[in-house]
Amino acid sequence: MKDLDAAGLDCLAALADERSFERAAETLAITQSAVSQRLRSLEAQVGQLLVVRSRPLRLTEPGKRLLRYARQLAALRSDVVRELGVQSAQAERLPIAVNADSLATWVLPALDPLVQRGMREGFGLELVVDDQDFTHDWLRQGEVLGCVTTVPQALRGCIAQPLGVMRYIAVASPDFVARMLPNGLGAANFAQVPFLVFNRKDDAQQQWVRQAMGLRSARLNARYVPSSEGYVNAVRMGWGVGVAPELQVRPLLASGELVALRPEVQVEVALYWHQWKLGGESMARASGVEGVPGSRVAKGAAVARKATTPEGGAPPALLDQIGEALARGARDALISA
């Protein structure tokens, strides 16, 4: 594997994003046959199948490993272009994964100054939403360059930093409490009471009930509302008991639209920011293509490394700036870990 063609890597990333040859061709402004040709050439270079031609198409495990490298190389290349003051031919897009509750509360204000600057300078963010216990999978599979997650350990080739703790409390509408919980919520009745759950990955309600009732396991009467804003609105309308971020429901508690149930019981979720290190050796290790002397990968990493560390120092890479913005926003919104 001597040369990894940049156009082929861009093609792989477009296929991963669009999940079809037709849409990938539109994104790259080339024909579908050109997409197929570039992919076949890249597969021939690495000697492995990278994409399963299904509907929607999906990446193989080697394809996911190479996608990680393609994402990192594209971000590093954009940083160098910005450093040189050259106008990029197309808008840069940096994908990151965040959990829905963070997105509904503190992430957008934290990222807003950077996004506003990006509209002037030609870059933008793509936010992928998943449960905080699963956003890390998006990073591991190469779909995103960074993520907000509950996983504390960094992947090889990544860095991780603590953001803070998001506190969850149980809430309900006053009408729901009067109608369904006249004697309160306890071990004798919790199984019959409707509990609102974000989706089947969400276990905050289970954690709260186990903690409140002193149980090792609990079976809930679950009703699913897969939207953070919709979830809180459903609680406010009396659809059931919700276990929501205290940060999100604080105004509704102050106004009396919601009441806290067993306020002494709280579920604390520690959050971390993970991102790939966009530097020569670590980038090559993360992609699994290090140790190829004289290859275009090794040469490109060395050139990029020099380009991003000129005399007098360079501004932080855009991915680093995203991490810094999230860290600042978390300090203002979350509980210190």
Foldseek 3Di string as FASTA:
>chain_A
DFEQDLVLLLLLLLCAVPQDLCRSCVVVVHDSVVSVVSPVVNCVVVVHAAWDVDVSIDGDQLVLLSLLLSLLLLLLVVLLCVLVVHQDPAAAEAEEEEEQQCVVFFQCVLCVVVQVVCVVRRYHYDYHYDHQQCSVVCNLSNVGFKYKHLDQDADQQKDKDWQFKFKWFKKAFPVLCVVPPVPADAPVPQQVFEEEAQDPVGCQVQVQRCQRHVHPGDHHNYDHDNHLVVSVVCRLVGVGMYTGGCSVCVVVCVVRSMDTGPRVGMDMGIIMMMGGDSAQPSSCVSSVNPDNPPGPSNVSRVVSNDSQQDPVHHPDRPVVVSVVSSSVSSVVRHHHD
